[in-house]
Protein backbone atom coordinates (compact mmCIF):
# COMPACT_ATOMS: atom_id res chain seq x y z
CA MET A 1 3.23 26.63 24.17
CA ASP A 2 2.73 23.73 22.45
CA ILE A 3 1.79 21.10 24.82
CA ALA A 4 2.25 17.31 24.58
CA PHE A 5 -1.05 15.17 24.32
CA ASP A 6 -0.33 12.75 27.30
CA LEU A 7 0.12 15.08 30.11
CA THR A 8 1.80 14.03 33.77
CA ILE A 9 -1.46 15.36 35.81
CA ASN A 10 -2.16 15.95 39.49
CA GLU A 11 -1.21 12.79 41.90
CA GLU A 12 0.76 11.37 38.90
CA ILE A 13 3.44 13.85 39.04
CA ARG A 14 6.45 12.79 41.23
CA ASP A 15 8.80 15.73 41.53
CA ARG A 16 8.97 17.55 44.97
CA GLU A 17 9.20 20.80 43.79
CA VAL A 18 7.26 22.45 40.78
CA ARG A 19 7.26 25.93 38.82
CA VAL A 20 3.63 26.65 38.52
CA ILE A 21 1.81 28.88 35.59
CA ASP A 22 -1.64 29.99 35.96
CA GLU A 23 -4.25 29.09 33.21
CA ASN A 24 -3.62 32.86 32.02
CA GLY A 25 0.19 32.34 31.52
CA THR A 26 1.30 34.22 34.79
CA GLN A 27 4.18 32.85 36.80
CA LEU A 28 2.96 31.80 40.17
CA GLY A 29 6.93 30.49 41.11
CA VAL A 30 8.16 27.48 42.76
CA MET A 31 6.57 25.74 45.31
CA LEU A 32 6.22 22.23 46.59
CA THR A 33 3.94 19.81 44.69
CA PRO A 34 1.31 19.22 47.27
CA LYS A 35 0.41 23.08 47.89
CA ALA A 36 0.43 23.32 43.81
CA LEU A 37 -1.93 20.40 44.10
CA ALA A 38 -4.04 22.43 46.42
CA LEU A 39 -3.75 25.44 44.69
CA ALA A 40 -5.02 23.84 41.22
CA GLU A 41 -7.85 21.80 43.38
CA GLU A 42 -8.83 25.44 44.99
CA HIS A 43 -9.17 26.89 41.61
CA GLY A 44 -11.18 23.57 40.11
CA LEU A 45 -8.37 22.94 37.59
CA ASP A 46 -5.90 20.29 37.12
CA LEU A 47 -2.07 20.70 37.46
CA ALA A 48 -0.30 19.13 34.50
CA VAL A 49 3.35 19.07 33.45
CA ILE A 50 4.09 20.80 30.20
CA GLN A 51 8.12 20.61 30.78
CA PRO A 52 9.18 17.60 32.49
CA ASN A 53 12.80 18.20 31.13
CA ALA A 54 13.33 21.55 32.98
CA ARG A 55 14.48 21.71 36.45
CA PRO A 56 12.38 22.21 38.79
CA VAL A 57 9.28 20.97 36.25
CA VAL A 58 7.19 23.27 34.87
CA CYS A 59 3.56 22.62 35.50
CA LYS A 60 0.56 24.34 34.39
CA LEU A 61 -3.24 25.14 35.91
CA LEU A 62 -5.83 24.04 33.21
CA ASP A 63 -8.95 21.86 32.39
CA TYR A 64 -7.35 18.63 31.13
CA ASP A 65 -10.55 17.20 29.74
CA LYS A 66 -11.17 20.59 27.49
CA TYR A 67 -7.51 20.48 26.52
CA ARG A 68 -7.85 16.91 25.60
CA TYR A 69 -11.44 17.54 23.57
CA GLU A 70 -9.72 20.77 21.93
CA GLN A 71 -5.99 18.56 20.84
CA SER A 72 -8.54 16.02 19.62
CA ARG A 73 -10.45 18.10 17.69
CA ARG A 74 -7.62 20.41 16.30
CA GLU A 75 -6.24 16.65 14.99
CA ARG A 76 -9.50 15.95 13.50
CA ASP A 77 -9.27 19.18 11.70
CA ASN A 78 -5.64 18.59 10.52
CA ARG A 79 -6.50 15.40 9.32
CA LYS A 80 -9.85 16.72 7.44
CA ASN A 81 -7.76 19.62 5.57
CA GLN A 82 -4.58 16.91 4.75
CA ARG A 83 -4.31 16.25 1.20
CA VAL A 84 -2.46 13.07 0.35
CA VAL A 85 -0.50 13.72 -2.71
CA GLU A 86 -0.44 10.62 -5.02
CA ILE A 87 2.30 9.02 -7.56
CA LYS A 88 0.48 8.29 -10.89
CA GLU A 89 2.60 6.39 -12.96
CA VAL A 90 2.47 6.81 -16.95
CA GLN A 91 4.48 3.94 -18.95
CA LEU A 92 5.93 5.11 -22.17
CA SER A 93 8.69 3.26 -24.58
CA ALA A 94 11.63 4.59 -26.67
CA THR A 95 9.77 3.55 -29.70
CA ILE A 96 6.23 4.91 -28.94
CA ALA A 97 3.75 6.29 -31.58
CA GLU A 98 2.78 9.78 -31.63
CA ASN A 99 -1.00 8.98 -31.20
CA ASP A 100 0.13 7.22 -28.00
CA VAL A 101 2.16 9.85 -26.64
CA GLN A 102 -0.79 12.10 -27.22
CA THR A 103 -3.00 9.60 -25.13
CA LYS A 104 -0.62 9.13 -22.10
CA ALA A 105 -0.37 12.83 -21.93
CA LYS A 106 -3.59 13.54 -22.04
CA ALA A 107 -4.01 11.12 -18.83
CA ALA A 108 -0.75 12.69 -17.15
CA ILE A 109 -2.47 15.93 -17.48
CA LYS A 110 -5.58 14.85 -16.07
CA PHE A 111 -3.72 13.39 -12.83
CA LEU A 112 -1.41 16.70 -12.67
CA GLU A 113 -5.13 18.98 -12.74
CA ASN A 114 -6.23 16.36 -9.93
CA GLY A 115 -3.20 17.36 -7.80
CA ASP A 116 -1.19 14.20 -8.07
CA LYS A 117 2.31 13.95 -9.25
CA VAL A 118 3.23 11.63 -12.25
CA ARG A 119 6.03 9.23 -12.49
CA VAL A 120 6.84 9.34 -15.86
CA SER A 121 9.02 5.82 -16.81
CA ILE A 122 10.54 3.94 -19.85
CA ARG A 123 11.36 0.67 -19.75
CA PHE A 124 14.35 -0.13 -22.29
CA ARG A 125 13.81 -3.87 -23.93
CA GLY A 126 17.09 -5.49 -25.16
CA ARG A 127 19.79 -3.63 -27.41
CA GLN A 128 17.51 -0.46 -26.55
CA ILE A 129 19.49 0.16 -23.67
CA THR A 130 22.62 1.14 -25.63
CA HIS A 131 20.18 3.99 -27.46
CA SER A 132 19.36 5.67 -23.78
CA GLU A 133 19.36 9.16 -25.66
CA ILE A 134 16.54 7.95 -27.93
CA GLY A 135 14.37 7.51 -24.83
CA LEU A 136 15.47 11.14 -22.98
CA ARG A 137 13.97 12.55 -26.42
CA VAL A 138 11.01 10.74 -25.53
CA MET A 139 11.12 11.99 -21.95
CA GLN A 140 12.14 15.93 -22.84
CA ASP A 141 9.07 15.59 -25.77
CA PHE A 142 6.46 14.67 -23.02
CA ALA A 143 7.52 17.03 -20.60
CA THR A 144 7.03 19.74 -22.63
CA ARG A 145 3.57 18.56 -24.02
CA CYS A 146 2.57 18.65 -19.98
CA SER A 147 4.38 21.78 -19.03
CA GLU A 148 1.00 23.93 -18.77
CA VAL A 149 0.12 21.95 -15.90
CA SER A 150 3.47 20.68 -14.55
CA SER A 151 6.97 21.22 -13.84
CA VAL A 152 9.58 18.41 -13.64
CA GLU A 153 10.68 17.87 -9.98
CA ARG A 154 13.08 15.21 -11.30
CA ARG A 155 14.98 15.40 -14.35
CA PRO A 156 15.29 11.84 -16.11
CA VAL A 157 17.86 9.60 -14.52
CA MET A 158 18.41 6.26 -15.36
CA ASP A 159 17.81 3.10 -12.87
CA GLY A 160 18.76 0.01 -13.93
CA ARG A 161 16.84 -0.76 -17.16
CA ASN A 162 14.47 2.21 -16.76
CA MET A 163 14.47 6.03 -17.44
CA ILE A 164 12.61 7.71 -14.67
CA MET A 165 11.33 11.33 -14.53
CA ILE A 166 8.71 12.71 -11.91
CA LEU A 167 6.23 15.47 -12.80
CA ALA A 168 4.67 17.70 -9.98
CA PRO A 169 1.44 19.83 -10.51
CA LYS A 170 2.09 23.68 -11.33
CA ALA A 171 -1.19 24.30 -9.08
CA ALA A 172 0.60 25.61 -5.79
CA LYS A 173 1.92 28.57 -8.17
CA ALA A 174 -1.40 29.10 -9.76
CA SER A 175 -3.25 29.81 -6.75
CA PHE A 176 -1.00 31.92 -5.16
CA ALA A 177 -1.77 34.24 -7.85
CA GLU A 178 -5.39 33.98 -7.43
CA LYS A 179 -4.85 34.33 -3.39
CA LYS A 180 -2.82 37.50 -4.56
CA ALA A 181 -5.88 38.76 -6.60
CA ALA A 182 -8.20 37.49 -4.14
CA ARG A 183 -6.71 39.52 -1.29
CA GLU A 184 -6.18 42.66 -3.76
CA LYS A 185 -10.27 42.61 -4.66
CA ALA A 186 -10.44 42.31 -0.78
CA ALA A 187 -8.63 45.48 -0.39
CA SER A 188 -10.02 47.24 -2.81
CA GLU A 189 -13.38 46.22 -1.51
CA LYS A 190 -12.93 47.32 1.87
CA PRO A 191 -12.49 51.36 1.68
CA GLU A 192 -15.62 51.47 -0.49
CA ALA A 193 -17.64 49.50 2.55
CA GLN A 194 -16.26 52.09 4.99
CA GLU A 195 -17.59 55.33 2.92
């Protein structure tokens, strides 16, 4: 059961009757709030509202300080394990030279290998806008050069005078294959260890 971080506890509970659940999850039934508070005090725990919209309100006996500590620790662990995906940008032009494309592709591949997404854009200047198919070919060529480490998340689209494409790293698929191989290896080692 998922409990909100800011709970209404003990004397803050204004309802006349509450449904009480003990610390093990066993239902103790519906009782008057003063009786539930006395029961919580008897067990050395707090009475906390976990479902305020239910009728009667559902309360649980728990150690509130311990609960808050566990919640803050869980949030800290989640923040630590969270990977923020950044979007890096590579700018091309419709008349870009071959060596420039290679340099930009190397930079994009480096970004993709680091787990970031890459926004590839071409700004059409002057009359170049009338030949957007040239820019489309440049984008497709660029996506092909980066295809080993990326997949096209958003196909090239015109946005005013710009053409934009987004490449996403393929790392998630590779890591899935690696995880599968690791599981198979671990499964093959377990029977040997038991013998």
